[in-house]
Amino acid sequence: MPSKSLDELEAQVGRTVTTVENLVVEPGKVEEFARAIKDDNPAFRDEDVAREQGYESIPAPLTFTRTAYFPRYRPDGIGLDHGFDLGFDQSRVVHGEQEYIYEQQILAGDVLSGKTTLVDVYERDGSRGGTMTFAVLETAYRNADGEHVLTERLTRIELAAQGDDGD
């Protein structure tokens, strides 16, 4: 059983927390990220190539905002639960789904901030018994001009405890 009841978790739905501050999209970091994900598109490394491909500047790879999980971009007290008191046992948490909804391209030189909202919590029976608890979080990223550039939606799942038969 999770340490928080479903009612306690549902009481947090709709709450919003600042989770990302001053995420600078640096050309060198974009290149490093592209190399790490094995994307050899030269637009991630060369501004002239990026412009030839129709970008204003070097574009960030689509999943680049995952770097916002590094502590240097997180306000104090923001950890694995994005500032929410989910009460999940981290030894039983798995990453469920991840979705990126772009409003505009993120480019080198952008400085991003993000606010995360707990949008849903629910439970389902696990295929091996017990109850799994799901938390759906959305982070809205804005650039330095305050424009909404991206919504990142993720689902965290706390699996049933070993031997938890739901009783």
N, C-alpha and C. Protein backbone atom coordinates (compact mmCIF):
# COMPACT_ATOMS: atom_id res chain seq x y z
N MET A 1 0.84 -1.19 0.00
CA MET A 1 0.00 0.00 0.00
C MET A 1 0.88 1.24 0.00
N PRO A 2 0.50 2.27 -0.76
CA PRO A 2 1.26 3.51 -0.69
C PRO A 2 1.09 4.14 0.68
N SER A 3 2.07 4.97 1.06
CA SER A 3 1.96 5.61 2.37
C SER A 3 0.90 6.70 2.39
N LYS A 4 0.45 7.14 1.22
CA LYS A 4 -0.63 8.12 1.11
C LYS A 4 -1.86 7.42 0.55
N SER A 5 -3.01 7.75 1.10
CA SER A 5 -4.25 7.19 0.55
C SER A 5 -4.58 7.90 -0.75
N LEU A 6 -5.42 7.27 -1.55
CA LEU A 6 -5.84 7.89 -2.81
C LEU A 6 -6.51 9.23 -2.54
N ASP A 7 -7.30 9.33 -1.47
CA ASP A 7 -7.95 10.60 -1.12
C ASP A 7 -6.91 11.69 -0.83
N GLU A 8 -5.84 11.33 -0.11
CA GLU A 8 -4.78 12.31 0.19
C GLU A 8 -4.07 12.76 -1.08
N LEU A 9 -3.85 11.82 -1.99
CA LEU A 9 -3.21 12.17 -3.26
C LEU A 9 -4.14 13.03 -4.11
N GLU A 10 -5.42 12.66 -4.17
CA GLU A 10 -6.38 13.42 -4.97
C GLU A 10 -6.52 14.85 -4.47
N ALA A 11 -6.30 15.08 -3.19
CA ALA A 11 -6.38 16.44 -2.64
C ALA A 11 -5.30 17.35 -3.21
N GLN A 12 -4.23 16.77 -3.76
CA GLN A 12 -3.16 17.55 -4.35
C GLN A 12 -3.37 17.84 -5.84
N VAL A 13 -4.33 17.15 -6.47
CA VAL A 13 -4.57 17.34 -7.90
C VAL A 13 -4.94 18.80 -8.15
N GLY A 14 -4.30 19.38 -9.15
CA GLY A 14 -4.52 20.78 -9.50
C GLY A 14 -3.47 21.71 -8.90
N ARG A 15 -2.70 21.22 -7.94
CA ARG A 15 -1.64 22.03 -7.32
C ARG A 15 -0.49 22.19 -8.31
N THR A 16 0.11 23.37 -8.33
CA THR A 16 1.20 23.68 -9.25
C THR A 16 2.42 24.13 -8.46
N VAL A 17 3.60 23.64 -8.89
CA VAL A 17 4.86 23.92 -8.22
C VAL A 17 5.89 24.36 -9.27
N THR A 18 6.69 25.38 -8.97
CA THR A 18 7.80 25.74 -9.84
C THR A 18 8.86 24.66 -9.71
N THR A 19 9.19 24.02 -10.82
CA THR A 19 10.12 22.89 -10.78
C THR A 19 11.38 23.10 -11.61
N VAL A 20 11.39 24.08 -12.49
CA VAL A 20 12.55 24.34 -13.34
C VAL A 20 12.82 25.83 -13.35
N GLU A 21 14.09 26.18 -13.12
CA GLU A 21 14.49 27.59 -13.16
C GLU A 21 15.77 27.73 -13.97
N ASN A 22 15.78 28.70 -14.86
CA ASN A 22 16.99 29.08 -15.61
C ASN A 22 17.64 27.91 -16.36
N LEU A 23 16.83 27.15 -17.08
CA LEU A 23 17.38 26.11 -17.94
C LEU A 23 17.86 26.80 -19.22
N VAL A 24 19.16 27.06 -19.28
CA VAL A 24 19.74 27.74 -20.43
C VAL A 24 20.04 26.69 -21.50
N VAL A 25 19.51 26.92 -22.68
CA VAL A 25 19.74 26.01 -23.80
C VAL A 25 21.04 26.46 -24.47
N GLU A 26 22.13 25.86 -24.03
CA GLU A 26 23.47 26.23 -24.51
C GLU A 26 23.84 25.37 -25.72
N PRO A 27 24.44 25.96 -26.76
CA PRO A 27 24.82 25.17 -27.94
C PRO A 27 25.67 23.95 -27.61
N GLY A 28 26.65 24.11 -26.70
CA GLY A 28 27.50 22.98 -26.34
C GLY A 28 26.74 21.88 -25.65
N LYS A 29 25.77 22.26 -24.81
CA LYS A 29 24.95 21.25 -24.12
C LYS A 29 24.00 20.56 -25.10
N VAL A 30 23.51 21.30 -26.10
CA VAL A 30 22.66 20.69 -27.12
C VAL A 30 23.47 19.65 -27.89
N GLU A 31 24.70 20.01 -28.27
CA GLU A 31 25.56 19.07 -28.99
C GLU A 31 25.86 17.84 -28.13
N GLU A 32 26.17 18.06 -26.86
CA GLU A 32 26.46 16.96 -25.95
C GLU A 32 25.24 16.03 -25.79
N PHE A 33 24.05 16.63 -25.67
CA PHE A 33 22.83 15.84 -25.53
C PHE A 33 22.58 15.03 -26.80
N ALA A 34 22.74 15.68 -27.97
CA ALA A 34 22.53 14.98 -29.24
C ALA A 34 23.48 13.79 -29.36
N ARG A 35 24.72 13.99 -28.96
CA ARG A 35 25.70 12.90 -28.99
C ARG A 35 25.26 11.77 -28.05
N ALA A 36 24.77 12.13 -26.87
CA ALA A 36 24.35 11.12 -25.88
C ALA A 36 23.17 10.28 -26.38
N ILE A 37 22.27 10.90 -27.15
CA ILE A 37 21.12 10.14 -27.66
C ILE A 37 21.40 9.56 -29.06
N LYS A 38 22.65 9.73 -29.49
CA LYS A 38 23.12 9.18 -30.77
C LYS A 38 22.35 9.75 -31.97
N ASP A 39 22.07 11.05 -31.92
CA ASP A 39 21.43 11.73 -33.05
C ASP A 39 22.52 12.51 -33.78
N ASP A 40 22.81 12.09 -34.99
CA ASP A 40 23.92 12.70 -35.73
C ASP A 40 23.50 13.86 -36.64
N ASN A 41 22.30 14.41 -36.46
CA ASN A 41 21.86 15.55 -37.26
C ASN A 41 22.84 16.71 -37.04
N PRO A 42 23.52 17.17 -38.08
CA PRO A 42 24.50 18.25 -37.90
C PRO A 42 23.88 19.58 -37.46
N ALA A 43 22.57 19.73 -37.56
CA ALA A 43 21.91 20.97 -37.10
C ALA A 43 22.07 21.15 -35.60
N PHE A 44 22.28 20.06 -34.86
CA PHE A 44 22.48 20.15 -33.41
C PHE A 44 23.89 20.60 -33.05
N ARG A 45 24.76 20.72 -34.06
CA ARG A 45 26.17 21.04 -33.82
C ARG A 45 26.64 22.30 -34.55
N ASP A 46 25.95 22.68 -35.60
CA ASP A 46 26.44 23.74 -36.48
C ASP A 46 25.31 24.71 -36.82
N GLU A 47 25.48 25.97 -36.43
CA GLU A 47 24.42 26.95 -36.65
C GLU A 47 24.14 27.18 -38.14
N ASP A 48 25.16 27.14 -38.99
CA ASP A 48 24.95 27.32 -40.43
C ASP A 48 24.07 26.20 -40.99
N VAL A 49 24.35 24.98 -40.58
CA VAL A 49 23.54 23.84 -41.02
C VAL A 49 22.11 23.98 -40.49
N ALA A 50 21.99 24.42 -39.23
CA ALA A 50 20.67 24.62 -38.65
C ALA A 50 19.86 25.62 -39.48
N ARG A 51 20.50 26.72 -39.86
CA ARG A 51 19.81 27.73 -40.68
C ARG A 51 19.44 27.17 -42.05
N GLU A 52 20.33 26.37 -42.63
CA GLU A 52 20.04 25.73 -43.93
C GLU A 52 18.82 24.81 -43.81
N GLN A 53 18.63 24.22 -42.63
CA GLN A 53 17.49 23.34 -42.40
C GLN A 53 16.24 24.10 -42.00
N GLY A 54 16.33 25.44 -41.93
CA GLY A 54 15.14 26.26 -41.66
C GLY A 54 14.97 26.73 -40.23
N TYR A 55 15.95 26.47 -39.38
CA TYR A 55 15.88 26.93 -37.99
C TYR A 55 16.50 28.31 -37.86
N GLU A 56 16.05 29.07 -36.87
CA GLU A 56 16.64 30.38 -36.59
C GLU A 56 18.01 30.26 -35.93
N SER A 57 18.21 29.16 -35.22
CA SER A 57 19.44 28.89 -34.49
C SER A 57 19.52 27.38 -34.31
N ILE A 58 20.50 26.92 -33.55
CA ILE A 58 20.63 25.49 -33.28
C ILE A 58 19.41 25.02 -32.49
N PRO A 59 18.69 24.02 -33.02
CA PRO A 59 17.51 23.51 -32.30
C PRO A 59 17.92 22.54 -31.20
N ALA A 60 17.12 22.48 -30.18
CA ALA A 60 17.32 21.47 -29.13
C ALA A 60 16.63 20.18 -29.57
N PRO A 61 17.24 19.02 -29.33
CA PRO A 61 16.53 17.76 -29.60
C PRO A 61 15.20 17.72 -28.83
N LEU A 62 14.26 16.98 -29.33
CA LEU A 62 12.90 17.00 -28.78
C LEU A 62 12.83 16.65 -27.30
N THR A 63 13.72 15.81 -26.81
CA THR A 63 13.67 15.41 -25.40
C THR A 63 14.70 16.15 -24.54
N PHE A 64 15.26 17.24 -25.04
CA PHE A 64 16.31 17.99 -24.34
C PHE A 64 15.89 18.45 -22.95
N THR A 65 14.61 18.75 -22.76
CA THR A 65 14.18 19.26 -21.45
C THR A 65 14.33 18.21 -20.34
N ARG A 66 14.65 16.99 -20.67
CA ARG A 66 14.96 16.00 -19.62
C ARG A 66 16.16 16.48 -18.79
N THR A 67 17.01 17.32 -19.38
CA THR A 67 18.14 17.85 -18.61
C THR A 67 17.68 18.74 -17.47
N ALA A 68 16.44 19.18 -17.49
CA ALA A 68 15.89 19.99 -16.40
C ALA A 68 15.79 19.19 -15.11
N TYR A 69 15.97 17.88 -15.19
CA TYR A 69 15.94 17.05 -13.99
C TYR A 69 17.25 17.12 -13.22
N PHE A 70 18.28 17.72 -13.82
CA PHE A 70 19.55 17.89 -13.11
C PHE A 70 19.34 18.89 -11.98
N PRO A 71 19.94 18.66 -10.84
CA PRO A 71 19.71 19.53 -9.67
C PRO A 71 20.00 21.01 -9.92
N ARG A 72 20.91 21.35 -10.82
CA ARG A 72 21.25 22.76 -11.02
C ARG A 72 20.07 23.60 -11.55
N TYR A 73 19.08 22.94 -12.13
CA TYR A 73 17.91 23.65 -12.66
C TYR A 73 16.70 23.55 -11.75
N ARG A 74 16.81 22.83 -10.66
CA ARG A 74 15.69 22.60 -9.75
C ARG A 74 15.76 23.55 -8.56
N PRO A 75 14.65 24.17 -8.20
CA PRO A 75 14.64 24.95 -6.95
C PRO A 75 14.89 24.02 -5.76
N ASP A 76 15.35 24.58 -4.66
CA ASP A 76 15.58 23.79 -3.45
C ASP A 76 14.31 23.03 -3.07
N GLY A 77 14.49 21.78 -2.67
CA GLY A 77 13.37 20.97 -2.20
C GLY A 77 12.61 20.24 -3.29
N ILE A 78 13.01 20.42 -4.56
CA ILE A 78 12.31 19.75 -5.66
C ILE A 78 13.12 18.52 -6.04
N GLY A 79 12.55 17.35 -5.77
CA GLY A 79 13.24 16.10 -6.05
C GLY A 79 12.46 15.23 -7.00
N LEU A 80 12.52 13.94 -6.75
CA LEU A 80 11.90 12.96 -7.64
C LEU A 80 10.39 13.11 -7.78
N ASP A 81 9.74 13.61 -6.73
CA ASP A 81 8.28 13.76 -6.79
C ASP A 81 7.85 15.17 -7.24
N HIS A 82 8.80 15.93 -7.81
CA HIS A 82 8.49 17.23 -8.39
C HIS A 82 7.86 18.20 -7.39
N GLY A 83 8.20 18.08 -6.13
CA GLY A 83 7.66 18.99 -5.12
C GLY A 83 6.32 18.59 -4.55
N PHE A 84 5.81 17.43 -4.96
CA PHE A 84 4.54 16.94 -4.45
C PHE A 84 4.81 15.88 -3.39
N ASP A 85 3.89 15.77 -2.45
CA ASP A 85 4.03 14.78 -1.39
C ASP A 85 3.25 13.53 -1.80
N LEU A 86 3.84 12.77 -2.75
CA LEU A 86 3.17 11.58 -3.26
C LEU A 86 3.28 10.41 -2.30
N GLY A 87 4.34 10.39 -1.51
CA GLY A 87 4.52 9.31 -0.56
C GLY A 87 4.87 7.98 -1.21
N PHE A 88 5.32 8.00 -2.46
CA PHE A 88 5.66 6.77 -3.16
C PHE A 88 6.95 6.19 -2.58
N ASP A 89 6.99 4.87 -2.48
CA ASP A 89 8.20 4.15 -2.10
C ASP A 89 9.07 4.09 -3.35
N GLN A 90 10.18 4.85 -3.36
CA GLN A 90 11.00 4.98 -4.57
C GLN A 90 11.53 3.64 -5.07
N SER A 91 11.63 2.64 -4.20
CA SER A 91 12.11 1.32 -4.64
C SER A 91 11.06 0.59 -5.49
N ARG A 92 9.83 1.11 -5.51
CA ARG A 92 8.75 0.47 -6.29
C ARG A 92 8.20 1.38 -7.37
N VAL A 93 8.90 2.49 -7.66
CA VAL A 93 8.41 3.44 -8.66
C VAL A 93 9.04 3.15 -10.02
N VAL A 94 8.20 3.16 -11.02
CA VAL A 94 8.67 3.04 -12.40
C VAL A 94 8.14 4.23 -13.21
N HIS A 95 8.86 4.51 -14.27
CA HIS A 95 8.46 5.58 -15.18
C HIS A 95 7.43 4.99 -16.14
N GLY A 96 6.26 5.61 -16.20
CA GLY A 96 5.21 5.10 -17.07
C GLY A 96 5.32 5.66 -18.46
N GLU A 97 4.69 6.74 -18.70
CA GLU A 97 4.60 7.34 -20.02
C GLU A 97 5.24 8.71 -20.02
N GLN A 98 5.75 9.14 -21.16
CA GLN A 98 6.32 10.48 -21.32
C GLN A 98 5.82 11.03 -22.64
N GLU A 99 5.35 12.27 -22.62
CA GLU A 99 4.82 12.89 -23.83
C GLU A 99 5.30 14.34 -23.87
N TYR A 100 5.64 14.82 -25.06
CA TYR A 100 6.08 16.20 -25.26
C TYR A 100 5.15 16.85 -26.27
N ILE A 101 4.54 17.97 -25.88
CA ILE A 101 3.62 18.69 -26.75
C ILE A 101 4.22 20.07 -26.99
N TYR A 102 4.76 20.28 -28.18
CA TYR A 102 5.46 21.52 -28.50
C TYR A 102 4.52 22.59 -29.04
N GLU A 103 4.71 23.79 -28.53
CA GLU A 103 4.02 24.98 -29.05
C GLU A 103 4.95 25.71 -30.02
N GLN A 104 6.25 25.63 -29.75
CA GLN A 104 7.25 26.20 -30.66
C GLN A 104 8.59 25.51 -30.40
N GLN A 105 9.47 25.59 -31.39
CA GLN A 105 10.79 24.96 -31.29
C GLN A 105 11.61 25.62 -30.20
N ILE A 106 12.34 24.82 -29.45
CA ILE A 106 13.28 25.33 -28.46
C ILE A 106 14.64 25.43 -29.14
N LEU A 107 15.27 26.59 -29.00
CA LEU A 107 16.51 26.87 -29.70
C LEU A 107 17.62 27.26 -28.74
N ALA A 108 18.86 27.08 -29.20
CA ALA A 108 20.01 27.53 -28.43
C ALA A 108 19.83 29.02 -28.12
N GLY A 109 20.10 29.37 -26.88
CA GLY A 109 19.92 30.75 -26.43
C GLY A 109 18.66 30.93 -25.61
N ASP A 110 17.70 30.02 -25.75
CA ASP A 110 16.49 30.11 -24.94
C ASP A 110 16.83 29.85 -23.47
N VAL A 111 16.09 30.51 -22.59
CA VAL A 111 16.19 30.26 -21.16
C VAL A 111 14.78 29.87 -20.71
N LEU A 112 14.67 28.68 -20.17
CA LEU A 112 13.36 28.13 -19.85
C LEU A 112 13.11 28.03 -18.36
N SER A 113 11.84 28.15 -18.01
CA SER A 113 11.38 27.88 -16.65
C SER A 113 10.19 26.94 -16.78
N GLY A 114 9.90 26.24 -15.71
CA GLY A 114 8.79 25.29 -15.79
C GLY A 114 8.01 25.20 -14.50
N LYS A 115 6.72 25.04 -14.65
CA LYS A 115 5.82 24.82 -13.51
C LYS A 115 5.10 23.50 -13.75
N THR A 116 5.12 22.67 -12.71
CA THR A 116 4.53 21.34 -12.81
C THR A 116 3.23 21.28 -12.03
N THR A 117 2.22 20.69 -12.66
CA THR A 117 0.92 20.50 -12.04
C THR A 117 0.63 19.02 -11.94
N LEU A 118 0.16 18.59 -10.77
CA LEU A 118 -0.33 17.23 -10.62
C LEU A 118 -1.73 17.23 -11.23
N VAL A 119 -1.89 16.55 -12.38
CA VAL A 119 -3.16 16.62 -13.10
C VAL A 119 -4.09 15.44 -12.83
N ASP A 120 -3.52 14.32 -12.35
CA ASP A 120 -4.39 13.18 -12.09
C ASP A 120 -3.66 12.17 -11.21
N VAL A 121 -4.41 11.47 -10.38
CA VAL A 121 -3.93 10.30 -9.65
C VAL A 121 -5.04 9.25 -9.71
N TYR A 122 -4.64 8.00 -9.82
CA TYR A 122 -5.63 6.94 -9.86
C TYR A 122 -4.94 5.61 -9.53
N GLU A 123 -5.75 4.61 -9.27
CA GLU A 123 -5.24 3.28 -8.94
C GLU A 123 -5.79 2.27 -9.93
N ARG A 124 -5.01 1.21 -10.12
CA ARG A 124 -5.44 0.08 -10.94
C ARG A 124 -4.92 -1.19 -10.30
N ASP A 125 -5.64 -2.26 -10.52
CA ASP A 125 -5.16 -3.56 -10.05
C ASP A 125 -3.95 -3.96 -10.87
N GLY A 126 -2.92 -4.46 -10.19
CA GLY A 126 -1.73 -4.94 -10.86
C GLY A 126 -1.95 -6.33 -11.43
N SER A 127 -1.27 -6.65 -12.49
CA SER A 127 -1.44 -7.97 -13.11
C SER A 127 -0.89 -9.09 -12.23
N ARG A 128 -0.01 -8.73 -11.26
CA ARG A 128 0.53 -9.72 -10.34
C ARG A 128 -0.07 -9.58 -8.95
N GLY A 129 -1.21 -8.93 -8.88
CA GLY A 129 -1.88 -8.72 -7.60
C GLY A 129 -1.55 -7.35 -7.03
N GLY A 130 -2.30 -6.94 -6.06
CA GLY A 130 -2.09 -5.66 -5.42
C GLY A 130 -2.56 -4.50 -6.28
N THR A 131 -2.35 -3.32 -5.76
CA THR A 131 -2.82 -2.11 -6.43
C THR A 131 -1.64 -1.23 -6.83
N MET A 132 -1.68 -0.76 -8.06
CA MET A 132 -0.68 0.19 -8.55
C MET A 132 -1.28 1.59 -8.45
N THR A 133 -0.45 2.56 -8.07
CA THR A 133 -0.91 3.95 -7.97
C THR A 133 -0.20 4.77 -9.05
N PHE A 134 -0.97 5.56 -9.78
CA PHE A 134 -0.46 6.36 -10.89
C PHE A 134 -0.55 7.84 -10.53
N ALA A 135 0.48 8.60 -10.87
CA ALA A 135 0.48 10.06 -10.72
C ALA A 135 0.85 10.65 -12.07
N VAL A 136 0.00 11.52 -12.60
CA VAL A 136 0.24 12.15 -13.89
C VAL A 136 0.59 13.62 -13.63
N LEU A 137 1.77 14.01 -14.12
CA LEU A 137 2.29 15.36 -13.89
C LEU A 137 2.53 16.05 -15.23
N GLU A 138 2.18 17.32 -15.32
CA GLU A 138 2.43 18.11 -16.52
C GLU A 138 3.30 19.31 -16.16
N THR A 139 4.38 19.49 -16.92
CA THR A 139 5.23 20.65 -16.74
C THR A 139 5.06 21.56 -17.94
N ALA A 140 4.65 22.79 -17.68
CA ALA A 140 4.52 23.81 -18.72
C ALA A 140 5.80 24.63 -18.72
N TYR A 141 6.53 24.60 -19.84
CA TYR A 141 7.76 25.36 -19.99
C TYR A 141 7.47 26.67 -20.69
N ARG A 142 8.10 27.73 -20.18
CA ARG A 142 7.99 29.05 -20.79
C ARG A 142 9.40 29.58 -21.05
N ASN A 143 9.53 30.38 -22.11
CA ASN A 143 10.82 31.01 -22.38
C ASN A 143 10.93 32.32 -21.61
N ALA A 144 12.04 33.02 -21.77
CA ALA A 144 12.28 34.25 -21.01
C ALA A 144 11.25 35.33 -21.32
N ASP A 145 10.60 35.25 -22.50
CA ASP A 145 9.55 36.21 -22.86
C ASP A 145 8.20 35.82 -22.29
N GLY A 146 8.14 34.70 -21.56
CA GLY A 146 6.89 34.25 -20.97
C GLY A 146 6.02 33.44 -21.91
N GLU A 147 6.54 33.12 -23.09
CA GLU A 147 5.76 32.35 -24.06
C GLU A 147 5.79 30.86 -23.70
N HIS A 148 4.63 30.23 -23.78
CA HIS A 148 4.53 28.80 -23.53
C HIS A 148 5.14 28.07 -24.73
N VAL A 149 6.19 27.27 -24.50
CA VAL A 149 6.87 26.59 -25.59
C VAL A 149 6.65 25.09 -25.60
N LEU A 150 6.36 24.51 -24.44
CA LEU A 150 6.28 23.06 -24.36
C LEU A 150 5.50 22.63 -23.14
N THR A 151 4.72 21.56 -23.31
CA THR A 151 4.12 20.86 -22.17
C THR A 151 4.70 19.46 -22.17
N GLU A 152 5.29 19.09 -21.04
CA GLU A 152 5.85 17.76 -20.86
C GLU A 152 4.93 17.02 -19.89
N ARG A 153 4.44 15.88 -20.32
CA ARG A 153 3.50 15.11 -19.50
C ARG A 153 4.15 13.77 -19.16
N LEU A 154 4.18 13.42 -17.87
CA LEU A 154 4.77 12.15 -17.48
C LEU A 154 3.91 11.45 -16.45
N THR A 155 4.04 10.14 -16.45
CA THR A 155 3.30 9.32 -15.50
C THR A 155 4.29 8.53 -14.67
N ARG A 156 4.15 8.63 -13.35
CA ARG A 156 4.94 7.83 -12.41
C ARG A 156 4.01 6.78 -11.83
N ILE A 157 4.52 5.57 -11.68
CA ILE A 157 3.71 4.46 -11.20
C ILE A 157 4.40 3.84 -9.98
N GLU A 158 3.64 3.73 -8.90
CA GLU A 158 4.14 2.98 -7.75
C GLU A 158 3.53 1.59 -7.84
N LEU A 159 4.39 0.60 -8.00
CA LEU A 159 3.93 -0.78 -8.11
C LEU A 159 3.48 -1.28 -6.74
N ALA A 160 2.64 -2.30 -6.76
CA ALA A 160 2.18 -2.92 -5.51
C ALA A 160 3.38 -3.50 -4.77
N ALA A 161 3.32 -3.45 -3.45
CA ALA A 161 4.38 -4.04 -2.65
C ALA A 161 4.35 -5.55 -2.81
N GLN A 162 5.52 -6.16 -2.73
CA GLN A 162 5.62 -7.62 -2.80
C GLN A 162 4.70 -8.23 -1.75
N GLY A 163 3.85 -9.11 -2.14
CA GLY A 163 2.95 -9.77 -1.21
C GLY A 163 1.70 -8.97 -0.91
N ASP A 164 1.55 -7.75 -1.52
CA ASP A 164 0.35 -6.92 -1.30
C ASP A 164 -0.77 -7.51 -2.15
N ASP A 165 -1.71 -8.13 -1.50
CA ASP A 165 -2.83 -8.73 -2.24
C ASP A 165 -4.05 -7.81 -2.29
N GLY A 166 -3.82 -6.54 -1.90
CA GLY A 166 -4.91 -5.59 -1.96
C GLY A 166 -5.71 -5.50 -0.69
N ASP A 167 -5.45 -6.38 0.30
CA ASP A 167 -6.20 -6.34 1.57
C ASP A 167 -5.58 -5.36 2.52
